[in-house]
Amino acid sequence: MPTDENVPPRDAMVSSLGGPNDALRLGPRKKPRSTDPLVHHGRHFGRSIHALCNVHALVNNGIIRMGERSEEPEETFTAQEHREHRVFLSLLKSVPGLEERIMISSSEEEVHGIAALLQKGASSARSDDTKSLKSAIIDWLVPAGEPLIPPIARNIKIDRGFNHEITGSLLCPAGVNWKDNDVKQKLRTGEYSVSGDQWPIFLYASYKYDETDPWKGLLQSAILVKTFKHIFTSPSSVDREAKATRSGNARIHGMTSVTCASIVYAATQV
């Protein structure tokens, strides 16, 4: 029986169906990429201990403090150095075996690599949380069932901040009248610069500030609690009892109580 040289044998055709270039078949599964445990620990460090520090400088200064400066009296260190060292000790405590690794068995180059992985974890966690909350937080700006006017896009942030009536009112410093058009305009243009010690109204319970009792309701707002749950337990736990099939960030890292830094982190994300 004559054959056509341009038609491949049947066996070759069948074999080719399973080839890597076959568009009608699912390709081979990608092997899961393993993440260095230090990146994993860095994510929790950024969320619950300190979000915006230079990890490499923190580790280097901590090693010096525990090494060549260990004999110096406490009073020779500044308040900032004491605060920095407390953060360093918290880092050592949060990562099993880290103290021995950086103080005894690691070279300067290895220490730099360790710090880089921890920094990567903290930065990626912050980025992931910002991306996740950017959409979710829109649903928390007004009571359930009420429309947000004007509406806010879920994938961009340019129409938020002081540029929107609702978000602007929540970011307005406590004790400052957002309804004053002159104040509102100065906040939007930057003429009124908000300092770091002016608490925004969204941090207070029911978004109300009592001038006679500035601590009343502070850090007890609904939007702050929802954000904390979203980050540390699970997004599904925000409005109901957590029923996620995967453990939340708090459980994964053995976090059993709220830390000051974790509240600050949640507030910053808001």
C-alpha atoms as a PDB file:
ATOM      1  CA  MET A   1       0.000   0.000   0.000  1.00  0.00           C
ATOM      2  CA  PRO A   2       1.555   3.329  -1.014  1.00  0.00           C
ATOM      3  CA  THR A   3       2.326   5.857   1.615  1.00  0.00           C
ATOM      4  CA  ASP A   4       2.460   9.626   1.524  1.00  0.00           C
ATOM      5  CA  GLU A   5       5.778  10.884   2.850  1.00  0.00           C
ATOM      6  CA  ASN A   6       4.089  14.073   4.021  1.00  0.00           C
ATOM      7  CA  VAL A   7       1.737  12.187   6.374  1.00  0.00           C
ATOM      8  CA  PRO A   8       3.487  11.020   9.558  1.00  0.00           C
ATOM      9  CA  PRO A   9       2.953   7.429  10.718  1.00  0.00           C
ATOM     10  CA  ARG A  10      -0.004   6.865  13.074  1.00  0.00           C
ATOM     11  CA  ASP A  11       2.278   6.062  16.021  1.00  0.00           C
ATOM     12  CA  ALA A  12       4.069   9.377  15.577  1.00  0.00           C
ATOM     13  CA  MET A  13       0.731  11.221  15.455  1.00  0.00           C
ATOM     14  CA  VAL A  14      -0.497   9.597  18.671  1.00  0.00           C
ATOM     15  CA  SER A  15       2.799  10.265  20.381  1.00  0.00           C
ATOM     16  CA  SER A  16       2.714  13.913  19.374  1.00  0.00           C
ATOM     17  CA  LEU A  17      -0.700  14.435  20.998  1.00  0.00           C
ATOM     18  CA  GLY A  18       0.879  14.227  24.418  1.00  0.00           C
ATOM     19  CA  GLY A  19       3.792  16.466  23.573  1.00  0.00           C
ATOM     20  CA  PRO A  20       4.603  19.700  25.397  1.00  0.00           C
ATOM     21  CA  ASN A  21       3.355  21.821  22.461  1.00  0.00           C
ATOM     22  CA  ASP A  22      -0.083  20.166  22.224  1.00  0.00           C
ATOM     23  CA  ALA A  23      -2.541  23.061  22.677  1.00  0.00           C
ATOM     24  CA  LEU A  24      -5.463  20.758  23.481  1.00  0.00           C
ATOM     25  CA  ARG A  25      -3.849  19.084  26.477  1.00  0.00           C
ATOM     26  CA  LEU A  26      -3.089  20.461  29.915  1.00  0.00           C
ATOM     27  CA  GLY A  27       0.611  20.955  30.329  1.00  0.00           C
ATOM     28  CA  PRO A  28       2.656  19.354  33.086  1.00  0.00           C
ATOM     29  CA  ARG A  29       1.968  20.622  36.581  1.00  0.00           C
ATOM     30  CA  LYS A  30       4.389  23.164  37.846  1.00  0.00           C
ATOM     31  CA  LYS A  31       6.321  22.050  40.842  1.00  0.00           C
ATOM     32  CA  PRO A  32       5.464  24.188  43.877  1.00  0.00           C
ATOM     33  CA  ARG A  33       8.216  26.660  44.600  1.00  0.00           C
ATOM     34  CA  SER A  34       9.615  26.384  48.075  1.00  0.00           C
ATOM     35  CA  THR A  35      10.010  29.608  50.024  1.00  0.00           C
ATOM     36  CA  ASP A  36      12.909  30.097  52.395  1.00  0.00           C
ATOM     37  CA  PRO A  37      11.635  29.927  55.993  1.00  0.00           C
ATOM     38  CA  LEU A  38      13.302  33.281  56.688  1.00  0.00           C
ATOM     39  CA  VAL A  39      10.980  34.951  54.175  1.00  0.00           C
ATOM     40  CA  HIS A  40       8.075  33.320  55.995  1.00  0.00           C
ATOM     41  CA  HIS A  41       9.294  34.675  59.354  1.00  0.00           C
ATOM     42  CA  GLY A  42       9.992  38.074  57.787  1.00  0.00           C
ATOM     43  CA  ARG A  43       6.341  38.371  56.799  1.00  0.00           C
ATOM     44  CA  HIS A  44       5.231  37.970  60.400  1.00  0.00           C
ATOM     45  CA  PHE A  45       7.998  40.252  61.676  1.00  0.00           C
ATOM     46  CA  GLY A  46       6.755  43.040  59.413  1.00  0.00           C
ATOM     47  CA  ARG A  47       3.159  42.582  60.475  1.00  0.00           C
ATOM     48  CA  SER A  48       3.547  42.142  64.220  1.00  0.00           C
ATOM     49  CA  ILE A  49       6.919  43.573  65.341  1.00  0.00           C
ATOM     50  CA  HIS A  50       8.068  46.363  63.013  1.00  0.00           C
ATOM     51  CA  ALA A  51       6.840  47.093  59.507  1.00  0.00           C
ATOM     52  CA  LEU A  52       9.179  49.740  58.138  1.00  0.00           C
ATOM     53  CA  CYS A  53      12.681  49.145  59.420  1.00  0.00           C
ATOM     54  CA  ASN A  54      15.991  48.501  57.665  1.00  0.00           C
ATOM     55  CA  VAL A  55      16.463  44.853  58.641  1.00  0.00           C
ATOM     56  CA  HIS A  56      20.105  44.745  57.559  1.00  0.00           C
ATOM     57  CA  ALA A  57      21.001  47.731  59.767  1.00  0.00           C
ATOM     58  CA  LEU A  58      18.872  46.312  62.594  1.00  0.00           C
ATOM     59  CA  VAL A  59      20.719  42.981  62.517  1.00  0.00           C
ATOM     60  CA  ASN A  60      24.167  44.546  62.163  1.00  0.00           C
ATOM     61  CA  ASN A  61      23.605  46.960  65.047  1.00  0.00           C
ATOM     62  CA  GLY A  62      22.148  44.162  67.157  1.00  0.00           C
ATOM     63  CA  ILE A  63      25.203  41.966  66.600  1.00  0.00           C
ATOM     64  CA  ILE A  64      27.499  44.839  67.585  1.00  0.00           C
ATOM     65  CA  ARG A  65      25.421  45.581  70.686  1.00  0.00           C
ATOM     66  CA  MET A  66      25.553  41.942  71.792  1.00  0.00           C
ATOM     67  CA  GLY A  67      29.188  41.556  70.810  1.00  0.00           C
ATOM     68  CA  GLU A  68      31.824  44.266  71.004  1.00  0.00           C
ATOM     69  CA  ARG A  69      29.568  46.704  72.893  1.00  0.00           C
ATOM     70  CA  SER A  70      28.125  44.151  75.317  1.00  0.00           C
ATOM     71  CA  GLU A  71      30.255  45.425  78.208  1.00  0.00           C
ATOM     72  CA  GLU A  72      29.188  49.050  77.851  1.00  0.00           C
ATOM     73  CA  PRO A  73      26.865  50.369  80.574  1.00  0.00           C
ATOM     74  CA  GLU A  74      23.199  50.868  79.661  1.00  0.00           C
ATOM     75  CA  GLU A  75      23.348  54.632  80.131  1.00  0.00           C
ATOM     76  CA  THR A  76      25.754  54.986  77.208  1.00  0.00           C
ATOM     77  CA  PHE A  77      22.985  54.016  74.787  1.00  0.00           C
ATOM     78  CA  THR A  78      20.427  56.516  73.556  1.00  0.00           C
ATOM     79  CA  ALA A  79      16.670  56.022  73.831  1.00  0.00           C
ATOM     80  CA  GLN A  80      16.580  55.286  70.103  1.00  0.00           C
ATOM     81  CA  GLU A  81      19.288  52.637  70.463  1.00  0.00           C
ATOM     82  CA  HIS A  82      17.386  50.995  73.316  1.00  0.00           C
ATOM     83  CA  ARG A  83      14.202  50.946  71.230  1.00  0.00           C
ATOM     84  CA  GLU A  84      16.064  49.519  68.250  1.00  0.00           C
ATOM     85  CA  HIS A  85      17.622  46.796  70.385  1.00  0.00           C
ATOM     86  CA  ARG A  86      14.234  45.787  71.770  1.00  0.00           C
ATOM     87  CA  VAL A  87      13.021  45.299  68.204  1.00  0.00           C
ATOM     88  CA  PHE A  88      16.143  43.243  67.455  1.00  0.00           C
ATOM     89  CA  LEU A  89      15.566  41.001  70.488  1.00  0.00           C
ATOM     90  CA  SER A  90      11.938  40.530  69.427  1.00  0.00           C
ATOM     91  CA  LEU A  91      13.178  39.468  66.002  1.00  0.00           C
ATOM     92  CA  LEU A  92      15.544  36.898  67.540  1.00  0.00           C
ATOM     93  CA  LYS A  93      12.729  35.549  69.689  1.00  0.00           C
ATOM     94  CA  SER A  94      10.340  35.227  66.744  1.00  0.00           C
ATOM     95  CA  VAL A  95      12.709  33.181  64.532  1.00  0.00           C
ATOM     96  CA  PRO A  96      13.825  29.838  66.011  1.00  0.00           C
ATOM     97  CA  GLY A  97      17.599  29.389  65.897  1.00  0.00           C
ATOM     98  CA  LEU A  98      18.280  32.848  64.484  1.00  0.00           C
ATOM     99  CA  GLU A  99      20.418  34.080  67.378  1.00  0.00           C
ATOM    100  CA  GLU A 100      22.808  31.153  67.182  1.00  0.00           C
ATOM    101  CA  ARG A 101      22.911  31.377  63.420  1.00  0.00           C
ATOM    102  CA  ILE A 102      23.908  35.037  63.170  1.00  0.00           C
ATOM    103  CA  MET A 103      25.972  35.318  66.348  1.00  0.00           C
ATOM    104  CA  ILE A 104      28.050  32.166  66.003  1.00  0.00           C
ATOM    105  CA  SER A 105      27.961  30.308  62.707  1.00  0.00           C
ATOM    106  CA  SER A 106      27.425  32.929  59.989  1.00  0.00           C
ATOM    107  CA  SER A 107      29.887  35.036  58.057  1.00  0.00           C
ATOM    108  CA  GLU A 108      29.254  38.682  57.257  1.00  0.00           C
ATOM    109  CA  GLU A 109      28.032  37.696  53.804  1.00  0.00           C
ATOM    110  CA  GLU A 110      25.647  35.107  55.251  1.00  0.00           C
ATOM    111  CA  VAL A 111      24.272  37.634  57.736  1.00  0.00           C
ATOM    112  CA  HIS A 112      23.604  39.997  54.847  1.00  0.00           C
ATOM    113  CA  GLY A 113      21.713  37.210  53.043  1.00  0.00           C
ATOM    114  CA  ILE A 114      19.654  36.420  56.149  1.00  0.00           C
ATOM    115  CA  ALA A 115      18.684  40.083  56.540  1.00  0.00           C
ATOM    116  CA  ALA A 116      17.773  40.293  52.847  1.00  0.00           C
ATOM    117  CA  LEU A 117      15.384  37.333  53.147  1.00  0.00           C
ATOM    118  CA  LEU A 118      13.722  38.765  56.257  1.00  0.00           C
ATOM    119  CA  GLN A 119      13.361  42.132  54.500  1.00  0.00           C
ATOM    120  CA  LYS A 120      11.871  40.425  51.468  1.00  0.00           C
ATOM    121  CA  GLY A 121       9.267  38.743  53.656  1.00  0.00           C
ATOM    122  CA  ALA A 122       8.264  41.965  55.417  1.00  0.00           C
ATOM    123  CA  SER A 123       8.015  43.874  52.145  1.00  0.00           C
ATOM    124  CA  SER A 124       6.022  41.187  50.338  1.00  0.00           C
ATOM    125  CA  ALA A 125       3.567  40.862  53.231  1.00  0.00           C
ATOM    126  CA  ARG A 126       2.958  44.610  53.244  1.00  0.00           C
ATOM    127  CA  SER A 127       2.428  44.605  49.479  1.00  0.00           C
ATOM    128  CA  ASP A 128       0.075  41.604  49.591  1.00  0.00           C
ATOM    129  CA  ASP A 129      -1.998  43.108  52.402  1.00  0.00           C
ATOM    130  CA  THR A 130      -2.288  46.461  50.634  1.00  0.00           C
ATOM    131  CA  LYS A 131      -3.425  44.758  47.443  1.00  0.00           C
ATOM    132  CA  SER A 132      -5.975  42.605  49.281  1.00  0.00           C
ATOM    133  CA  LEU A 133      -7.377  45.435  51.399  1.00  0.00           C
ATOM    134  CA  LYS A 134      -7.585  47.925  48.544  1.00  0.00           C
ATOM    135  CA  SER A 135     -10.791  46.288  47.360  1.00  0.00           C
ATOM    136  CA  ALA A 136     -12.164  44.859  50.612  1.00  0.00           C
ATOM    137  CA  ILE A 137     -12.074  48.128  52.551  1.00  0.00           C
ATOM    138  CA  ILE A 138     -14.561  49.791  50.195  1.00  0.00           C
ATOM    139  CA  ASP A 139     -17.302  47.568  51.606  1.00  0.00           C
ATOM    140  CA  TRP A 140     -16.550  48.786  55.137  1.00  0.00           C
ATOM    141  CA  LEU A 141     -16.817  52.522  54.506  1.00  0.00           C
ATOM    142  CA  VAL A 142     -20.580  52.680  54.902  1.00  0.00           C
ATOM    143  CA  PRO A 143     -23.104  50.422  56.692  1.00  0.00           C
ATOM    144  CA  ALA A 144     -24.081  47.244  54.844  1.00  0.00           C
ATOM    145  CA  GLY A 145     -26.763  47.896  52.263  1.00  0.00           C
ATOM    146  CA  GLU A 146     -26.054  51.613  51.914  1.00  0.00           C
ATOM    147  CA  PRO A 147     -24.594  52.925  48.637  1.00  0.00           C
ATOM    148  CA  LEU A 148     -21.208  54.638  48.602  1.00  0.00           C
ATOM    149  CA  ILE A 149     -21.640  58.042  46.952  1.00  0.00           C
ATOM    150  CA  PRO A 150     -19.753  58.755  44.810  1.00  0.00           C
ATOM    151  CA  PRO A 151     -18.605  55.177  44.123  1.00  0.00           C
ATOM    152  CA  ILE A 152     -14.918  54.275  44.446  1.00  0.00           C
ATOM    153  CA  ALA A 153     -12.968  52.128  41.989  1.00  0.00           C
ATOM    154  CA  ARG A 154     -11.660  48.916  43.537  1.00  0.00           C
ATOM    155  CA  ASN A 155      -8.409  48.715  41.623  1.00  0.00           C
ATOM    156  CA  ILE A 156      -7.059  52.263  41.974  1.00  0.00           C
ATOM    157  CA  LYS A 157      -6.564  54.645  44.892  1.00  0.00           C
ATOM    158  CA  ILE A 158      -6.412  58.056  43.224  1.00  0.00           C
ATOM    159  CA  ASP A 159     -10.036  58.876  44.126  1.00  0.00           C
ATOM    160  CA  ARG A 160      -9.562  58.043  47.811  1.00  0.00           C
ATOM    161  CA  GLY A 161      -7.881  59.870  50.666  1.00  0.00           C
ATOM    162  CA  PHE A 162      -8.966  63.469  51.094  1.00  0.00           C
ATOM    163  CA  ASN A 163     -10.252  63.413  47.491  1.00  0.00           C
ATOM    164  CA  HIS A 164     -13.405  61.540  48.511  1.00  0.00           C
ATOM    165  CA  GLU A 165     -16.048  62.794  50.917  1.00  0.00           C
ATOM    166  CA  ILE A 166     -16.271  59.572  52.957  1.00  0.00           C
ATOM    167  CA  THR A 167     -12.600  58.572  53.079  1.00  0.00           C
ATOM    168  CA  GLY A 168     -11.648  62.194  53.678  1.00  0.00           C
ATOM    169  CA  SER A 169     -13.948  62.442  56.677  1.00  0.00           C
ATOM    170  CA  LEU A 170     -12.419  59.262  58.148  1.00  0.00           C
ATOM    171  CA  LEU A 171      -8.843  60.446  57.608  1.00  0.00           C
ATOM    172  CA  CYS A 172      -9.528  63.913  58.985  1.00  0.00           C
ATOM    173  CA  PRO A 173      -7.569  64.512  62.231  1.00  0.00           C
ATOM    174  CA  ALA A 174      -9.618  64.177  65.408  1.00  0.00           C
ATOM    175  CA  GLY A 175     -10.804  67.562  66.632  1.00  0.00           C
ATOM    176  CA  VAL A 176     -10.691  69.091  63.141  1.00  0.00           C
ATOM    177  CA  ASN A 177     -14.006  69.925  61.465  1.00  0.00           C
ATOM    178  CA  TRP A 178     -14.156  68.113  58.124  1.00  0.00           C
ATOM    179  CA  LYS A 179     -17.433  69.870  57.289  1.00  0.00           C
ATOM    180  CA  ASP A 180     -15.584  73.207  57.189  1.00  0.00           C
ATOM    181  CA  ASN A 181     -15.014  73.713  53.463  1.00  0.00           C
ATOM    182  CA  ASP A 182     -11.887  75.779  54.076  1.00  0.00           C
ATOM    183  CA  VAL A 183     -10.340  72.979  56.175  1.00  0.00           C
ATOM    184  CA  LYS A 184     -11.399  70.387  53.616  1.00  0.00           C
ATOM    185  CA  GLN A 185      -9.769  72.299  50.774  1.00  0.00           C
ATOM    186  CA  LYS A 186      -6.519  72.817  52.699  1.00  0.00           C
ATOM    187  CA  LEU A 187      -6.333  69.118  53.509  1.00  0.00           C
ATOM    188  CA  ARG A 188      -6.843  68.254  49.855  1.00  0.00           C
ATOM    189  CA  THR A 189      -4.214  70.663  48.584  1.00  0.00           C
ATOM    190  CA  GLY A 190      -1.704  69.831  51.301  1.00  0.00           C
ATOM    191  CA  GLU A 191      -1.719  73.355  52.676  1.00  0.00           C
ATOM    192  CA  TYR A 192      -2.865  71.806  55.952  1.00  0.00           C
ATOM    193  CA  SER A 193      -0.169  69.246  56.702  1.00  0.00           C
ATOM    194  CA  VAL A 194      -1.270  66.553  59.134  1.00  0.00           C
ATOM    195  CA  SER A 195       1.454  65.692  61.655  1.00  0.00           C
ATOM    196  CA  GLY A 196       2.152  62.200  62.928  1.00  0.00           C
ATOM    197  CA  ASP A 197       0.757  62.919  66.383  1.00  0.00           C
ATOM    198  CA  GLN A 198      -2.702  63.849  65.087  1.00  0.00           C
ATOM    199  CA  TRP A 199      -4.904  60.776  65.286  1.00  0.00           C
ATOM    200  CA  PRO A 200      -7.311  60.349  62.334  1.00  0.00           C
ATOM    201  CA  ILE A 201     -10.957  60.013  63.315  1.00  0.00           C
ATOM    202  CA  PHE A 202     -11.276  56.516  61.828  1.00  0.00           C
ATOM    203  CA  LEU A 203      -9.307  55.154  64.807  1.00  0.00           C
ATOM    204  CA  TYR A 204     -12.095  56.015  67.263  1.00  0.00           C
ATOM    205  CA  ALA A 205     -15.142  53.923  68.112  1.00  0.00           C
ATOM    206  CA  SER A 206     -18.149  55.120  66.092  1.00  0.00           C
ATOM    207  CA  TYR A 207     -15.747  57.664  64.527  1.00  0.00           C
ATOM    208  CA  LYS A 208     -16.393  60.088  67.382  1.00  0.00           C
ATOM    209  CA  TYR A 209     -13.772  62.059  69.295  1.00  0.00           C
ATOM    210  CA  ASP A 210     -14.340  63.316  72.834  1.00  0.00           C
ATOM    211  CA  GLU A 211     -12.173  66.374  73.474  1.00  0.00           C
ATOM    212  CA  THR A 212     -12.651  65.983  77.225  1.00  0.00           C
ATOM    213  CA  ASP A 213     -11.411  62.370  77.091  1.00  0.00           C
ATOM    214  CA  PRO A 214      -9.029  61.901  74.108  1.00  0.00           C
ATOM    215  CA  TRP A 215      -8.405  58.239  74.939  1.00  0.00           C
ATOM    216  CA  LYS A 216     -12.086  57.287  74.856  1.00  0.00           C
ATOM    217  CA  GLY A 217     -12.750  54.752  72.098  1.00  0.00           C
ATOM    218  CA  LEU A 218      -9.243  55.070  70.641  1.00  0.00           C
ATOM    219  CA  LEU A 219      -8.200  52.096  68.473  1.00  0.00           C
ATOM    220  CA  GLN A 220     -11.674  50.579  68.807  1.00  0.00           C
ATOM    221  CA  SER A 221     -13.244  51.518  65.488  1.00  0.00           C
ATOM    222  CA  ALA A 222     -15.120  48.983  63.382  1.00  0.00           C
ATOM    223  CA  ILE A 223     -12.943  49.546  60.314  1.00  0.00           C
ATOM    224  CA  LEU A 224      -9.745  48.967  62.304  1.00  0.00           C
ATOM    225  CA  VAL A 225     -11.078  45.737  63.830  1.00  0.00           C
ATOM    226  CA  LYS A 226     -12.202  44.482  60.418  1.00  0.00           C
ATOM    227  CA  THR A 227      -8.785  45.243  58.943  1.00  0.00           C
ATOM    228  CA  PHE A 228      -7.012  43.456  61.778  1.00  0.00           C
ATOM    229  CA  LYS A 229      -9.183  40.364  61.291  1.00  0.00           C
ATOM    230  CA  HIS A 230      -8.683  40.474  57.526  1.00  0.00           C
ATOM    231  CA  ILE A 231      -4.896  40.422  57.956  1.00  0.00           C
ATOM    232  CA  PHE A 232      -4.363  38.196  60.969  1.00  0.00           C
ATOM    233  CA  THR A 233      -7.231  35.688  61.043  1.00  0.00           C
ATOM    234  CA  SER A 234      -8.760  35.556  57.559  1.00  0.00           C
ATOM    235  CA  PRO A 235     -10.810  37.727  55.179  1.00  0.00           C
ATOM    236  CA  SER A 236     -13.796  35.454  55.809  1.00  0.00           C
ATOM    237  CA  SER A 237     -13.643  36.147  59.559  1.00  0.00           C
ATOM    238  CA  VAL A 238     -14.397  39.853  59.139  1.00  0.00           C
ATOM    239  CA  ASP A 239     -18.182  39.541  59.243  1.00  0.00           C
ATOM    240  CA  ARG A 240     -18.623  36.079  60.712  1.00  0.00           C
ATOM    241  CA  GLU A 241     -16.921  33.342  62.677  1.00  0.00           C
ATOM    242  CA  ALA A 242     -13.794  32.165  60.916  1.00  0.00           C
ATOM    243  CA  LYS A 243     -14.439  29.017  58.879  1.00  0.00           C
ATOM    244  CA  ALA A 244     -11.499  29.157  56.521  1.00  0.00           C
ATOM    245  CA  THR A 245      -9.967  25.841  55.482  1.00  0.00           C
ATOM    246  CA  ARG A 246      -6.494  27.352  55.766  1.00  0.00           C
ATOM    247  CA  SER A 247      -4.969  28.730  58.934  1.00  0.00           C
ATOM    248  CA  GLY A 248      -4.764  32.497  59.235  1.00  0.00           C
ATOM    249  CA  ASN A 249      -1.510  34.397  59.655  1.00  0.00           C
ATOM    250  CA  ALA A 250      -1.873  34.585  63.433  1.00  0.00           C
ATOM    251  CA  ARG A 251      -2.308  30.831  63.859  1.00  0.00           C
ATOM    252  CA  ILE A 252       0.454  29.996  61.400  1.00  0.00           C
ATOM    253  CA  HIS A 253       2.933  32.003  63.469  1.00  0.00           C
ATOM    254  CA  GLY A 254       1.619  31.036  66.889  1.00  0.00           C
ATOM    255  CA  MET A 255       0.357  34.557  67.578  1.00  0.00           C
ATOM    256  CA  THR A 256      -2.030  34.369  70.544  1.00  0.00           C
ATOM    257  CA  SER A 257      -2.395  38.041  71.451  1.00  0.00           C
ATOM    258  CA  VAL A 258      -2.500  41.440  69.830  1.00  0.00           C
ATOM    259  CA  THR A 259       0.738  43.449  69.808  1.00  0.00           C
ATOM    260  CA  CYS A 260       1.098  47.213  69.709  1.00  0.00           C
ATOM    261  CA  ALA A 261       2.962  46.911  66.433  1.00  0.00           C
ATOM    262  CA  SER A 262       0.212  44.775  64.866  1.00  0.00           C
ATOM    263  CA  ILE A 263      -2.387  47.438  65.706  1.00  0.00           C
ATOM    264  CA  VAL A 264      -0.164  50.129  64.203  1.00  0.00           C
ATOM    265  CA  TYR A 265       0.322  47.957  61.110  1.00  0.00           C
ATOM    266  CA  ALA A 266      -3.428  47.487  60.659  1.00  0.00           C
ATOM    267  CA  ALA A 267      -4.045  51.214  61.159  1.00  0.00           C
ATOM    268  CA  THR A 268      -1.362  52.082  58.594  1.00  0.00           C
ATOM    269  CA  GLN A 269      -2.936  49.738  56.080  1.00  0.00           C
ATOM    270  CA  VAL A 270      -6.324  51.398  56.603  1.00  0.00           C
END
